[in-house]
Amino acid sequence: MFSRDGPRFGAPIHQRPDHIERNQCVGFFANACRQSRVDELMSGHDSTLEVEDDLLQEAIQAGRTGSVGGLTCTTDIEVIRDCNFYVVAVPTPVDKNNNPDLRPL
Protein backbone atom coordinates (compact mmCIF):
# COMPACT_ATOMS: atom_id res chain seq x y z
CA MET A 1 0.00 0.00 0.00
CA PHE A 2 1.26 3.48 -0.81
CA SER A 3 0.04 6.37 1.25
CA ARG A 4 1.38 9.90 0.93
CA ASP A 5 0.30 10.89 4.41
CA GLY A 6 -0.04 7.51 6.02
CA PRO A 7 -2.68 6.14 8.33
CA ARG A 8 -5.56 8.49 7.71
CA PHE A 9 -6.17 6.31 4.67
CA GLY A 10 -3.80 3.40 5.07
CA ALA A 11 -4.50 2.15 8.55
CA PRO A 12 -8.28 1.97 8.16
CA ILE A 13 -7.77 -0.11 4.99
CA HIS A 14 -5.35 -2.31 6.86
CA GLN A 15 -7.97 -2.90 9.57
CA ARG A 16 -10.36 -4.65 7.17
CA PRO A 17 -10.34 -8.28 8.30
CA ASP A 18 -10.45 -9.75 4.79
CA HIS A 19 -7.48 -7.59 3.81
CA ILE A 20 -5.45 -8.37 6.93
CA GLU A 21 -5.86 -12.13 6.57
CA ARG A 22 -4.25 -12.26 3.12
CA ASN A 23 -1.68 -9.48 2.84
CA GLN A 24 1.27 -7.57 4.16
CA CYS A 25 0.81 -3.78 4.02
CA VAL A 26 3.44 -1.08 3.63
CA GLY A 27 2.56 2.49 4.52
CA PHE A 28 4.90 4.63 2.41
CA PHE A 29 5.35 8.29 3.27
CA ALA A 30 6.57 10.16 0.17
CA ASN A 31 7.79 13.14 2.18
CA ALA A 32 10.98 12.20 4.05
CA CYS A 33 10.18 15.01 6.51
CA ARG A 34 7.49 12.66 7.82
CA GLN A 35 10.08 10.32 9.33
CA SER A 36 8.91 11.35 12.80
CA ARG A 37 5.40 10.13 11.89
CA VAL A 38 6.81 6.83 10.62
CA ASP A 39 8.80 6.46 13.83
CA GLU A 40 5.67 7.12 15.90
CA LEU A 41 3.62 4.53 14.03
CA MET A 42 6.39 1.95 14.11
CA SER A 43 6.56 2.43 17.89
CA GLY A 44 2.93 1.28 17.99
CA HIS A 45 1.15 4.58 18.64
CA ASP A 46 -1.12 6.64 16.37
CA SER A 47 -1.48 10.18 17.70
CA THR A 48 -4.47 10.79 15.39
CA LEU A 49 -6.28 8.07 17.37
CA GLU A 50 -7.68 6.54 14.18
CA VAL A 51 -6.19 3.17 15.08
CA GLU A 52 -6.16 1.71 18.56
CA ASP A 53 -2.64 1.15 19.85
CA ASP A 54 -3.13 -2.56 20.55
CA LEU A 55 -4.30 -3.22 16.97
CA LEU A 56 -1.46 -1.15 15.54
CA GLN A 57 1.11 -2.89 17.74
CA GLU A 58 -0.19 -6.29 16.66
CA ALA A 59 0.06 -5.34 12.99
CA ILE A 60 3.56 -3.84 13.42
CA GLN A 61 4.75 -6.99 15.22
CA ALA A 62 3.35 -9.16 12.41
CA GLY A 63 5.15 -6.94 9.90
CA ARG A 64 8.46 -7.35 11.71
CA THR A 65 8.17 -11.13 11.55
CA GLY A 66 6.90 -11.20 7.97
CA SER A 67 3.56 -12.66 9.04
CA VAL A 68 0.40 -12.24 7.02
CA GLY A 69 -1.50 -9.21 8.28
CA GLY A 70 1.68 -7.29 8.99
CA LEU A 71 2.13 -3.56 8.62
CA THR A 72 5.35 -1.67 7.97
CA CYS A 73 5.67 2.11 7.63
CA THR A 74 8.60 3.69 5.80
CA THR A 75 9.96 6.65 3.82
CA ASP A 76 12.20 4.33 1.75
CA ILE A 77 10.73 3.94 -1.75
CA GLU A 78 12.71 0.75 -2.30
CA VAL A 79 10.48 -0.99 0.24
CA ILE A 80 7.42 -0.59 -2.01
CA ARG A 81 9.13 -1.42 -5.29
CA ASP A 82 7.90 -5.03 -5.29
CA CYS A 83 4.36 -4.29 -4.09
CA ASN A 84 1.63 -5.35 -6.51
CA PHE A 85 -1.21 -3.13 -5.31
CA TYR A 86 -0.96 0.60 -4.58
CA VAL A 87 -3.41 2.97 -2.92
CA VAL A 88 -2.47 6.62 -3.31
CA ALA A 89 -3.90 9.00 -0.72
CA VAL A 90 -3.47 12.75 -0.89
CA PRO A 91 -4.83 15.47 1.39
CA THR A 92 -8.19 16.97 0.43
CA PRO A 93 -8.04 20.75 0.24
CA VAL A 94 -10.65 22.63 2.28
CA ASP A 95 -12.16 26.10 1.96
CA LYS A 96 -12.26 28.78 4.68
CA ASN A 97 -15.22 26.97 6.30
CA ASN A 98 -13.34 23.67 6.35
CA ASN A 99 -15.56 22.20 3.60
CA PRO A 100 -13.85 19.89 1.09
CA ASP A 101 -12.82 21.66 -2.12
CA LEU A 102 -13.25 18.97 -4.76
CA ARG A 103 -12.60 21.23 -7.78
CA PRO A 104 -9.15 19.67 -8.40
CA LEU A 105 -10.87 16.33 -8.98
PDB file of N, CA and C in Angstrom:
ATOM      1  N   MET A   1       0.848  -1.163   0.000  1.00  0.00           N
ATOM      2  CA  MET A   1       0.000   0.000   0.000  1.00  0.00           C
ATOM      3  C   MET A   1       0.893   1.225   0.000  1.00  0.00           C
ATOM      4  N   PHE A   2       0.567   2.203  -0.771  1.00  0.00           N
ATOM      5  CA  PHE A   2       1.261   3.475  -0.814  1.00  0.00           C
ATOM      6  C   PHE A   2       0.340   4.524  -0.235  1.00  0.00           C
ATOM      7  N   SER A   3       0.838   5.293   0.685  1.00  0.00           N
ATOM      8  CA  SER A   3       0.038   6.370   1.249  1.00  0.00           C
ATOM      9  C   SER A   3       0.917   7.589   1.453  1.00  0.00           C
ATOM     10  N   ARG A   4       0.559   8.696   0.830  1.00  0.00           N
ATOM     11  CA  ARG A   4       1.378   9.898   0.934  1.00  0.00           C
ATOM     12  C   ARG A   4       1.443  10.393   2.373  1.00  0.00           C
ATOM     13  N   ASP A   5       0.336  10.365   3.058  1.00  0.00           N
ATOM     14  CA  ASP A   5       0.297  10.889   4.410  1.00  0.00           C
ATOM     15  C   ASP A   5      -0.012   9.834   5.453  1.00  0.00           C
ATOM     16  N   GLY A   6       0.017   8.582   5.060  1.00  0.00           N
ATOM     17  CA  GLY A   6      -0.042   7.505   6.024  1.00  0.00           C
ATOM     18  C   GLY A   6      -1.409   7.091   6.495  1.00  0.00           C
ATOM     19  N   PRO A   7      -1.575   6.899   7.806  1.00  0.00           N
ATOM     20  CA  PRO A   7      -2.685   6.135   8.333  1.00  0.00           C
ATOM     21  C   PRO A   7      -4.067   6.727   8.155  1.00  0.00           C
ATOM     22  N   ARG A   8      -4.203   7.973   7.875  1.00  0.00           N
ATOM     23  CA  ARG A   8      -5.563   8.486   7.708  1.00  0.00           C
ATOM     24  C   ARG A   8      -6.291   7.685   6.644  1.00  0.00           C
ATOM     25  N   PHE A   9      -5.569   7.165   5.695  1.00  0.00           N
ATOM     26  CA  PHE A   9      -6.174   6.309   4.675  1.00  0.00           C
ATOM     27  C   PHE A   9      -5.687   4.885   4.824  1.00  0.00           C
ATOM     28  N   GLY A  10      -4.405   4.722   5.052  1.00  0.00           N
ATOM     29  CA  GLY A  10      -3.798   3.403   5.067  1.00  0.00           C
ATOM     30  C   GLY A  10      -4.205   2.507   6.210  1.00  0.00           C
ATOM     31  N   ALA A  11      -4.185   3.004   7.401  1.00  0.00           N
ATOM     32  CA  ALA A  11      -4.495   2.148   8.547  1.00  0.00           C
ATOM     33  C   ALA A  11      -5.938   1.654   8.531  1.00  0.00           C
ATOM     34  N   PRO A  12      -6.925   2.505   8.214  1.00  0.00           N
ATOM     35  CA  PRO A  12      -8.282   1.969   8.155  1.00  0.00           C
ATOM     36  C   PRO A  12      -8.428   0.866   7.110  1.00  0.00           C
ATOM     37  N   ILE A  13      -7.734   0.968   5.983  1.00  0.00           N
ATOM     38  CA  ILE A  13      -7.766  -0.106   4.989  1.00  0.00           C
ATOM     39  C   ILE A  13      -7.139  -1.356   5.589  1.00  0.00           C
ATOM     40  N   HIS A  14      -6.038  -1.175   6.273  1.00  0.00           N
ATOM     41  CA  HIS A  14      -5.347  -2.315   6.864  1.00  0.00           C
ATOM     42  C   HIS A  14      -6.213  -3.020   7.896  1.00  0.00           C
ATOM     43  N   GLN A  15      -7.125  -2.310   8.528  1.00  0.00           N
ATOM     44  CA  GLN A  15      -7.967  -2.896   9.571  1.00  0.00           C
ATOM     45  C   GLN A  15      -9.055  -3.817   9.021  1.00  0.00           C
ATOM     46  N   ARG A  16      -9.323  -3.770   7.725  1.00  0.00           N
ATOM     47  CA  ARG A  16     -10.363  -4.647   7.166  1.00  0.00           C
ATOM     48  C   ARG A  16      -9.947  -6.092   7.336  1.00  0.00           C
ATOM     49  N   PRO A  17     -10.727  -6.902   8.028  1.00  0.00           N
ATOM     50  CA  PRO A  17     -10.337  -8.282   8.301  1.00  0.00           C
ATOM     51  C   PRO A  17      -9.996  -9.096   7.061  1.00  0.00           C
ATOM     52  N   ASP A  18     -10.747  -8.956   5.980  1.00  0.00           N
ATOM     53  CA  ASP A  18     -10.453  -9.753   4.791  1.00  0.00           C
ATOM     54  C   ASP A  18      -9.125  -9.346   4.171  1.00  0.00           C
ATOM     55  N   HIS A  19      -8.756  -8.086   4.335  1.00  0.00           N
ATOM     56  CA  HIS A  19      -7.484  -7.595   3.808  1.00  0.00           C
ATOM     57  C   HIS A  19      -6.323  -8.074   4.686  1.00  0.00           C
ATOM     58  N   ILE A  20      -6.494  -7.975   5.986  1.00  0.00           N
ATOM     59  CA  ILE A  20      -5.451  -8.366   6.927  1.00  0.00           C
ATOM     60  C   ILE A  20      -5.092  -9.842   6.781  1.00  0.00           C
ATOM     61  N   GLU A  21      -6.090 -10.681   6.585  1.00  0.00           N
ATOM     62  CA  GLU A  21      -5.860 -12.125   6.566  1.00  0.00           C
ATOM     63  C   GLU A  21      -5.016 -12.581   5.391  1.00  0.00           C
ATOM     64  N   ARG A  22      -4.924 -11.786   4.327  1.00  0.00           N
ATOM     65  CA  ARG A  22      -4.248 -12.255   3.122  1.00  0.00           C
ATOM     66  C   ARG A  22      -2.995 -11.488   2.750  1.00  0.00           C
ATOM     67  N   ASN A  23      -2.718 -10.357   3.361  1.00  0.00           N
ATOM     68  CA  ASN A  23      -1.679  -9.476   2.835  1.00  0.00           C
ATOM     69  C   ASN A  23      -0.770  -8.872   3.895  1.00  0.00           C
ATOM     70  N   GLN A  24       0.384  -8.448   3.413  1.00  0.00           N
ATOM     71  CA  GLN A  24       1.273  -7.570   4.156  1.00  0.00           C
ATOM     72  C   GLN A  24       1.009  -6.167   3.623  1.00  0.00           C
ATOM     73  N   CYS A  25       1.025  -5.164   4.453  1.00  0.00           N
ATOM     74  CA  CYS A  25       0.813  -3.782   4.020  1.00  0.00           C
ATOM     75  C   CYS A  25       2.043  -2.945   4.338  1.00  0.00           C
ATOM     76  N   VAL A  26       2.347  -2.033   3.422  1.00  0.00           N
ATOM     77  CA  VAL A  26       3.436  -1.082   3.628  1.00  0.00           C
ATOM     78  C   VAL A  26       2.844   0.310   3.508  1.00  0.00           C
ATOM     79  N   GLY A  27       2.970   1.089   4.562  1.00  0.00           N
ATOM     80  CA  GLY A  27       2.562   2.493   4.524  1.00  0.00           C
ATOM     81  C   GLY A  27       3.777   3.305   4.123  1.00  0.00           C
ATOM     82  N   PHE A  28       3.769   3.856   2.922  1.00  0.00           N
ATOM     83  CA  PHE A  28       4.902   4.630   2.411  1.00  0.00           C
ATOM     84  C   PHE A  28       4.596   6.114   2.509  1.00  0.00           C
ATOM     85  N   PHE A  29       5.485   6.846   3.133  1.00  0.00           N
ATOM     86  CA  PHE A  29       5.349   8.291   3.266  1.00  0.00           C
ATOM     87  C   PHE A  29       6.302   8.937   2.275  1.00  0.00           C
ATOM     88  N   ALA A  30       5.762   9.598   1.235  1.00  0.00           N
ATOM     89  CA  ALA A  30       6.575  10.162   0.167  1.00  0.00           C
ATOM     90  C   ALA A  30       7.447  11.317   0.648  1.00  0.00           C
ATOM     91  N   ASN A  31       7.046  11.990   1.672  1.00  0.00           N
ATOM     92  CA  ASN A  31       7.788  13.136   2.185  1.00  0.00           C
ATOM     93  C   ASN A  31       8.707  12.667   3.309  1.00  0.00           C
ATOM     94  N   ALA A  32      10.009  12.678   3.050  1.00  0.00           N
ATOM     95  CA  ALA A  32      10.977  12.202   4.046  1.00  0.00           C
ATOM     96  C   ALA A  32      10.907  13.009   5.344  1.00  0.00           C
ATOM     97  N   CYS A  33      10.345  14.208   5.293  1.00  0.00           N
ATOM     98  CA  CYS A  33      10.183  15.012   6.512  1.00  0.00           C
ATOM     99  C   CYS A  33       9.201  14.351   7.467  1.00  0.00           C
ATOM    100  N   ARG A  34       8.474  13.351   6.988  1.00  0.00           N
ATOM    101  CA  ARG A  34       7.494  12.655   7.816  1.00  0.00           C
ATOM    102  C   ARG A  34       8.108  11.494   8.593  1.00  0.00           C
ATOM    103  N   GLN A  35       9.424  11.418   8.630  1.00  0.00           N
ATOM    104  CA  GLN A  35      10.083  10.318   9.330  1.00  0.00           C
ATOM    105  C   GLN A  35       9.634  10.236  10.783  1.00  0.00           C
ATOM    106  N   SER A  36       9.364  11.378  11.404  1.00  0.00           N
ATOM    107  CA  SER A  36       8.906  11.346  12.803  1.00  0.00           C
ATOM    108  C   SER A  36       7.546  10.646  12.908  1.00  0.00           C
ATOM    109  N   ARG A  37       6.695  10.811  11.901  1.00  0.00           N
ATOM    110  CA  ARG A  37       5.400  10.132  11.890  1.00  0.00           C
ATOM    111  C   ARG A  37       5.587   8.627  11.706  1.00  0.00           C
ATOM    112  N   VAL A  38       6.492   8.251  10.818  1.00  0.00           N
ATOM    113  CA  VAL A  38       6.808   6.835  10.619  1.00  0.00           C
ATOM    114  C   VAL A  38       7.330   6.236  11.917  1.00  0.00           C
ATOM    115  N   ASP A  39       8.239   6.946  12.570  1.00  0.00           N
ATOM    116  CA  ASP A  39       8.800   6.457  13.833  1.00  0.00           C
ATOM    117  C   ASP A  39       7.705   6.272  14.884  1.00  0.00           C
ATOM    118  N   GLU A  40       6.772   7.222  14.944  1.00  0.00           N
ATOM    119  CA  GLU A  40       5.667   7.116  15.903  1.00  0.00           C
ATOM    120  C   GLU A  40       4.835   5.870  15.630  1.00  0.00           C
ATOM    121  N   LEU A  41       4.448   5.678  14.377  1.00  0.00           N
ATOM    122  CA  LEU A  41       3.622   4.527  14.026  1.00  0.00           C
ATOM    123  C   LEU A  41       4.357   3.221  14.276  1.00  0.00           C
ATOM    124  N   MET A  42       5.628   3.170  13.920  1.00  0.00           N
ATOM    125  CA  MET A  42       6.395   1.947  14.112  1.00  0.00           C
ATOM    126  C   MET A  42       6.634   1.654  15.591  1.00  0.00           C
ATOM    127  N   SER A  43       6.461   2.664  16.441  1.00  0.00           N
ATOM    128  CA  SER A  43       6.559   2.428  17.885  1.00  0.00           C
ATOM    129  C   SER A  43       5.245   1.866  18.430  1.00  0.00           C
ATOM    130  N   GLY A  44       4.202   1.855  17.572  1.00  0.00           N
ATOM    131  CA  GLY A  44       2.927   1.275  17.985  1.00  0.00           C
ATOM    132  C   GLY A  44       1.918   2.267  18.507  1.00  0.00           C
ATOM    133  N   HIS A  45       2.100   3.560  18.179  1.00  0.00           N
ATOM    134  CA  HIS A  45       1.155   4.580  18.644  1.00  0.00           C
ATOM    135  C   HIS A  45       0.731   5.459  17.473  1.00  0.00           C
ATOM    136  N   ASP A  46      -0.575   5.740  17.380  1.00  0.00           N
ATOM    137  CA  ASP A  46      -1.123   6.637  16.365  1.00  0.00           C
ATOM    138  C   ASP A  46      -1.710   7.846  17.071  1.00  0.00           C
ATOM    139  N   SER A  47      -1.025   8.984  16.988  1.00  0.00           N
ATOM    140  CA  SER A  47      -1.476  10.185  17.699  1.00  0.00           C
ATOM    141  C   SER A  47      -2.780  10.749  17.134  1.00  0.00           C
ATOM    142  N   THR A  48      -3.186  10.332  15.934  1.00  0.00           N
ATOM    143  CA  THR A  48      -4.466  10.787  15.391  1.00  0.00           C
ATOM    144  C   THR A  48      -5.625   9.997  15.985  1.00  0.00           C
ATOM    145  N   LEU A  49      -5.301   8.932  16.703  1.00  0.00           N
ATOM    146  CA  LEU A  49      -6.279   8.071  17.374  1.00  0.00           C
ATOM    147  C   LEU A  49      -7.252   7.385  16.406  1.00  0.00           C
ATOM    148  N   GLU A  50      -6.835   7.232  15.145  1.00  0.00           N
ATOM    149  CA  GLU A  50      -7.676   6.537  14.182  1.00  0.00           C
ATOM    150  C   GLU A  50      -7.518   5.030  14.278  1.00  0.00           C
ATOM    151  N   VAL A  51      -6.438   4.599  14.890  1.00  0.00           N
ATOM    152  CA  VAL A  51      -6.193   3.169  15.076  1.00  0.00           C
ATOM    153  C   VAL A  51      -5.830   2.958  16.538  1.00  0.00           C
ATOM    154  N   GLU A  52      -6.473   1.999  17.166  1.00  0.00           N
ATOM    155  CA  GLU A  52      -6.162   1.706  18.561  1.00  0.00           C
ATOM    156  C   GLU A  52      -4.743   1.153  18.655  1.00  0.00           C
ATOM    157  N   ASP A  53      -4.037   1.548  19.698  1.00  0.00           N
ATOM    158  CA  ASP A  53      -2.640   1.155  19.853  1.00  0.00           C
ATOM    159  C   ASP A  53      -2.445  -0.360  19.846  1.00  0.00           C
ATOM    160  N   ASP A  54      -3.336  -1.110  20.495  1.00  0.00           N
ATOM    161  CA  ASP A  54      -3.131  -2.555  20.546  1.00  0.00           C
ATOM    162  C   ASP A  54      -3.245  -3.188  19.162  1.00  0.00           C
ATOM    163  N   LEU A  55      -4.170  -2.712  18.332  1.00  0.00           N
ATOM    164  CA  LEU A  55      -4.303  -3.224  16.970  1.00  0.00           C
ATOM    165  C   LEU A  55      -3.082  -2.836  16.129  1.00  0.00           C
ATOM    166  N   LEU A  56      -2.632  -1.602  16.272  1.00  0.00           N
ATOM    167  CA  LEU A  56      -1.459  -1.145  15.537  1.00  0.00           C
ATOM    168  C   LEU A  56      -0.226  -1.932  15.958  1.00  0.00           C
ATOM    169  N   GLN A  57      -0.045  -2.135  17.243  1.00  0.00           N
ATOM    170  CA  GLN A  57       1.108  -2.886  17.740  1.00  0.00           C
ATOM    171  C   GLN A  57       1.102  -4.323  17.229  1.00  0.00           C
ATOM    172  N   GLU A  58      -0.069  -4.924  17.181  1.00  0.00           N
ATOM    173  CA  GLU A  58      -0.191  -6.288  16.662  1.00  0.00           C
ATOM    174  C   GLU A  58       0.206  -6.347  15.187  1.00  0.00           C
ATOM    175  N   ALA A  59      -0.258  -5.378  14.411  1.00  0.00           N
ATOM    176  CA  ALA A  59       0.059  -5.336  12.987  1.00  0.00           C
ATOM    177  C   ALA A  59       1.547  -5.069  12.756  1.00  0.00           C
ATOM    178  N   ILE A  60       2.132  -4.156  13.541  1.00  0.00           N
ATOM    179  CA  ILE A  60       3.559  -3.844  13.415  1.00  0.00           C
ATOM    180  C   ILE A  60       4.389  -5.077  13.765  1.00  0.00           C
ATOM    181  N   GLN A  61       4.020  -5.777  14.824  1.00  0.00           N
ATOM    182  CA  GLN A  61       4.752  -6.991  15.216  1.00  0.00           C
ATOM    183  C   GLN A  61       4.676  -8.033  14.104  1.00  0.00           C
ATOM    184  N   ALA A  62       3.499  -8.209  13.517  1.00  0.00           N
ATOM    185  CA  ALA A  62       3.352  -9.163  12.411  1.00  0.00           C
ATOM    186  C   ALA A  62       4.208  -8.739  11.221  1.00  0.00           C
ATOM    187  N   GLY A  63       4.305  -7.434  10.981  1.00  0.00           N
ATOM    188  CA  GLY A  63       5.150  -6.937   9.896  1.00  0.00           C
ATOM    189  C   GLY A  63       6.623  -7.209  10.141  1.00  0.00           C
ATOM    190  N   ARG A  64       7.046  -7.094  11.376  1.00  0.00           N
ATOM    191  CA  ARG A  64       8.460  -7.352  11.712  1.00  0.00           C
ATOM    192  C   ARG A  64       8.832  -8.813  11.514  1.00  0.00           C
ATOM    193  N   THR A  65       7.877  -9.706  11.702  1.00  0.00           N
ATOM    194  CA  THR A  65       8.167 -11.132  11.555  1.00  0.00           C
ATOM    195  C   THR A  65       7.821 -11.656  10.168  1.00  0.00           C
ATOM    196  N   GLY A  66       7.264 -10.781   9.309  1.00  0.00           N
ATOM    197  CA  GLY A  66       6.895 -11.198   7.967  1.00  0.00           C
ATOM    198  C   GLY A  66       5.602 -11.978   7.911  1.00  0.00           C
ATOM    199  N   SER A  67       4.826 -11.926   8.974  1.00  0.00           N
ATOM    200  CA  SER A  67       3.561 -12.662   9.036  1.00  0.00           C
ATOM    201  C   SER A  67       2.493 -11.983   8.194  1.00  0.00           C
ATOM    202  N   VAL A  68       1.540 -12.788   7.727  1.00  0.00           N
ATOM    203  CA  VAL A  68       0.396 -12.239   7.017  1.00  0.00           C
ATOM    204  C   VAL A  68      -0.352 -11.310   7.965  1.00  0.00           C
ATOM    205  N   GLY A  69      -0.800 -10.191   7.453  1.00  0.00           N
ATOM    206  CA  GLY A  69      -1.496  -9.212   8.279  1.00  0.00           C
ATOM    207  C   GLY A  69      -0.568  -8.175   8.860  1.00  0.00           C
ATOM    208  N   GLY A  70       0.698  -8.222   8.457  1.00  0.00           N
ATOM    209  CA  GLY A  70       1.675  -7.291   8.994  1.00  0.00           C
ATOM    210  C   GLY A  70       1.611  -5.922   8.352  1.00  0.00           C
ATOM    211  N   LEU A  71       2.080  -4.942   9.089  1.00  0.00           N
ATOM    212  CA  LEU A  71       2.134  -3.560   8.619  1.00  0.00           C
ATOM    213  C   LEU A  71       3.529  -3.017   8.872  1.00  0.00           C
ATOM    214  N   THR A  72       4.076  -2.362   7.862  1.00  0.00           N
ATOM    215  CA  THR A  72       5.355  -1.669   7.967  1.00  0.00           C
ATOM    216  C   THR A  72       5.148  -0.264   7.443  1.00  0.00           C
ATOM    217  N   CYS A  73       5.725   0.724   8.095  1.00  0.00           N
ATOM    218  CA  CYS A  73       5.671   2.111   7.627  1.00  0.00           C
ATOM    219  C   CYS A  73       7.093   2.556   7.314  1.00  0.00           C
ATOM    220  N   THR A  74       7.255   3.315   6.227  1.00  0.00           N
ATOM    221  CA  THR A  74       8.597   3.692   5.803  1.00  0.00           C
ATOM    222  C   THR A  74       8.584   4.947   4.940  1.00  0.00           C
ATOM    223  N   THR A  75       9.750   5.575   4.792  1.00  0.00           N
ATOM    224  CA  THR A  75       9.956   6.654   3.822  1.00  0.00           C
ATOM    225  C   THR A  75      10.884   6.175   2.705  1.00  0.00           C
ATOM    226  N   ASP A  76      11.272   4.911   2.734  1.00  0.00           N
ATOM    227  CA  ASP A  76      12.200   4.330   1.752  1.00  0.00           C
ATOM    228  C   ASP A  76      11.417   3.739   0.581  1.00  0.00           C
ATOM    229  N   ILE A  77      11.501   4.383  -0.587  1.00  0.00           N
ATOM    230  CA  ILE A  77      10.735   3.942  -1.751  1.00  0.00           C
ATOM    231  C   ILE A  77      11.108   2.535  -2.204  1.00  0.00           C
ATOM    232  N   GLU A  78      12.307   2.097  -1.906  1.00  0.00           N
ATOM    233  CA  GLU A  78      12.714   0.748  -2.297  1.00  0.00           C
ATOM    234  C   GLU A  78      11.852  -0.326  -1.639  1.00  0.00           C
ATOM    235  N   VAL A  79      11.297  -0.022  -0.485  1.00  0.00           N
ATOM    236  CA  VAL A  79      10.478  -0.993   0.241  1.00  0.00           C
ATOM    237  C   VAL A  79       9.191  -1.312  -0.516  1.00  0.00           C
ATOM    238  N   ILE A  80       8.679  -0.354  -1.287  1.00  0.00           N
ATOM    239  CA  ILE A  80       7.419  -0.594  -2.005  1.00  0.00           C
ATOM    240  C   ILE A  80       7.625  -1.031  -3.454  1.00  0.00           C
ATOM    241  N   ARG A  81       8.848  -1.101  -3.892  1.00  0.00           N
ATOM    242  CA  ARG A  81       9.129  -1.418  -5.290  1.00  0.00           C
ATOM    243  C   ARG A  81       8.480  -2.731  -5.742  1.00  0.00           C
ATOM    244  N   ASP A  82       8.451  -3.735  -4.903  1.00  0.00           N
ATOM    245  CA  ASP A  82       7.901  -5.030  -5.290  1.00  0.00           C
ATOM    246  C   ASP A  82       6.434  -5.224  -4.916  1.00  0.00           C
ATOM    247  N   CYS A  83       5.791  -4.180  -4.406  1.00  0.00           N
ATOM    248  CA  CYS A  83       4.360  -4.290  -4.091  1.00  0.00           C
ATOM    249  C   CYS A  83       3.576  -4.472  -5.385  1.00  0.00           C
ATOM    250  N   ASN A  84       2.431  -5.132  -5.306  1.00  0.00           N
ATOM    251  CA  ASN A  84       1.633  -5.349  -6.510  1.00  0.00           C
ATOM    252  C   ASN A  84       0.287  -4.636  -6.466  1.00  0.00           C
ATOM    253  N   PHE A  85       0.034  -3.886  -5.429  1.00  0.00           N
ATOM    254  CA  PHE A  85      -1.207  -3.128  -5.314  1.00  0.00           C
ATOM    255  C   PHE A  85      -0.878  -1.832  -4.582  1.00  0.00           C
ATOM    256  N   TYR A  86      -1.282  -0.700  -5.167  1.00  0.00           N
ATOM    257  CA  TYR A  86      -0.965   0.597  -4.584  1.00  0.00           C
ATOM    258  C   TYR A  86      -2.243   1.404  -4.373  1.00  0.00           C
ATOM    259  N   VAL A  87      -2.347   2.022  -3.207  1.00  0.00           N
ATOM    260  CA  VAL A  87      -3.413   2.968  -2.918  1.00  0.00           C
ATOM    261  C   VAL A  87      -2.718   4.300  -2.681  1.00  0.00           C
ATOM    262  N   VAL A  88      -3.083   5.309  -3.451  1.00  0.00           N
ATOM    263  CA  VAL A  88      -2.467   6.622  -3.307  1.00  0.00           C
ATOM    264  C   VAL A  88      -3.461   7.537  -2.598  1.00  0.00           C
ATOM    265  N   ALA A  89      -3.047   8.095  -1.485  1.00  0.00           N
ATOM    266  CA  ALA A  89      -3.902   9.001  -0.717  1.00  0.00           C
ATOM    267  C   ALA A  89      -3.229  10.362  -0.636  1.00  0.00           C
ATOM    268  N   VAL A  90      -3.980  11.385  -0.968  1.00  0.00           N
ATOM    269  CA  VAL A  90      -3.466  12.754  -0.889  1.00  0.00           C
ATOM    270  C   VAL A  90      -4.433  13.584  -0.048  1.00  0.00           C
ATOM    271  N   PRO A  91      -3.938  14.639   0.569  1.00  0.00           N
ATOM    272  CA  PRO A  91      -4.829  15.474   1.385  1.00  0.00           C
ATOM    273  C   PRO A  91      -5.920  16.117   0.529  1.00  0.00           C
ATOM    274  N   THR A  92      -7.098  16.274   1.096  1.00  0.00           N
ATOM    275  CA  THR A  92      -8.192  16.969   0.428  1.00  0.00           C
ATOM    276  C   THR A  92      -8.155  18.424   0.842  1.00  0.00           C
ATOM    277  N   PRO A  93      -8.040  19.333  -0.138  1.00  0.00           N
ATOM    278  CA  PRO A  93      -8.044  20.755   0.238  1.00  0.00           C
ATOM    279  C   PRO A  93      -9.406  21.148   0.807  1.00  0.00           C
ATOM    280  N   VAL A  94      -9.407  22.122   1.681  1.00  0.00           N
ATOM    281  CA  VAL A  94     -10.648  22.628   2.275  1.00  0.00           C
ATOM    282  C   VAL A  94     -10.729  24.134   2.073  1.00  0.00           C
ATOM    283  N   ASP A  95     -11.973  24.653   2.088  1.00  0.00           N
ATOM    284  CA  ASP A  95     -12.162  26.097   1.964  1.00  0.00           C
ATOM    285  C   ASP A  95     -12.088  26.752   3.344  1.00  0.00           C
ATOM    286  N   LYS A  96     -12.380  28.053   3.407  1.00  0.00           N
ATOM    287  CA  LYS A  96     -12.259  28.781   4.680  1.00  0.00           C
ATOM    288  C   LYS A  96     -13.202  28.255   5.756  1.00  0.00           C
ATOM    289  N   ASN A  97     -14.273  27.542   5.345  1.00  0.00           N
ATOM    290  CA  ASN A  97     -15.222  26.971   6.299  1.00  0.00           C
ATOM    291  C   ASN A  97     -14.940  25.499   6.581  1.00  0.00           C
ATOM    292  N   ASN A  98     -13.790  25.052   6.138  1.00  0.00           N
ATOM    293  CA  ASN A  98     -13.345  23.669   6.353  1.00  0.00           C
ATOM    294  C   ASN A  98     -14.183  22.644   5.569  1.00  0.00           C
ATOM    295  N   ASN A  99     -14.818  23.098   4.490  1.00  0.00           N
ATOM    296  CA  ASN A  99     -15.557  22.197   3.601  1.00  0.00           C
ATOM    297  C   ASN A  99     -14.618  21.684   2.520  1.00  0.00           C
ATOM    298  N   PRO A 100     -14.740  20.421   2.128  1.00  0.00           N
ATOM    299  CA  PRO A 100     -13.854  19.888   1.089  1.00  0.00           C
ATOM    300  C   PRO A 100     -13.983  20.671  -0.219  1.00  0.00           C
ATOM    301  N   ASP A 101     -12.859  20.992  -0.814  1.00  0.00           N
ATOM    302  CA  ASP A 101     -12.819  21.659  -2.121  1.00  0.00           C
ATOM    303  C   ASP A 101     -12.459  20.587  -3.135  1.00  0.00           C
ATOM    304  N   LEU A 102     -13.452  20.067  -3.829  1.00  0.00           N
ATOM    305  CA  LEU A 102     -13.249  18.969  -4.760  1.00  0.00           C
ATOM    306  C   LEU A 102     -13.011  19.432  -6.201  1.00  0.00           C
ATOM    307  N   ARG A 103     -12.832  20.728  -6.426  1.00  0.00           N
ATOM    308  CA  ARG A 103     -12.604  21.233  -7.783  1.00  0.00           C
ATOM    309  C   ARG A 103     -11.386  20.579  -8.447  1.00  0.00           C
ATOM    310  N   PRO A 104     -10.289  20.303  -7.728  1.00  0.00           N
ATOM    311  CA  PRO A 104      -9.145  19.667  -8.401  1.00  0.00           C
ATOM    312  C   PRO A 104      -9.463  18.286  -8.987  1.00  0.00           C
ATOM    313  N   LEU A 105     -10.496  17.639  -8.457  1.00  0.00           N
ATOM    314  CA  LEU A 105     -10.869  16.333  -8.979  1.00  0.00           C
ATOM    315  C   LEU A 105     -11.535  16.474 -10.319  1.00  0.00           C
TER     316      LEU A 105
END
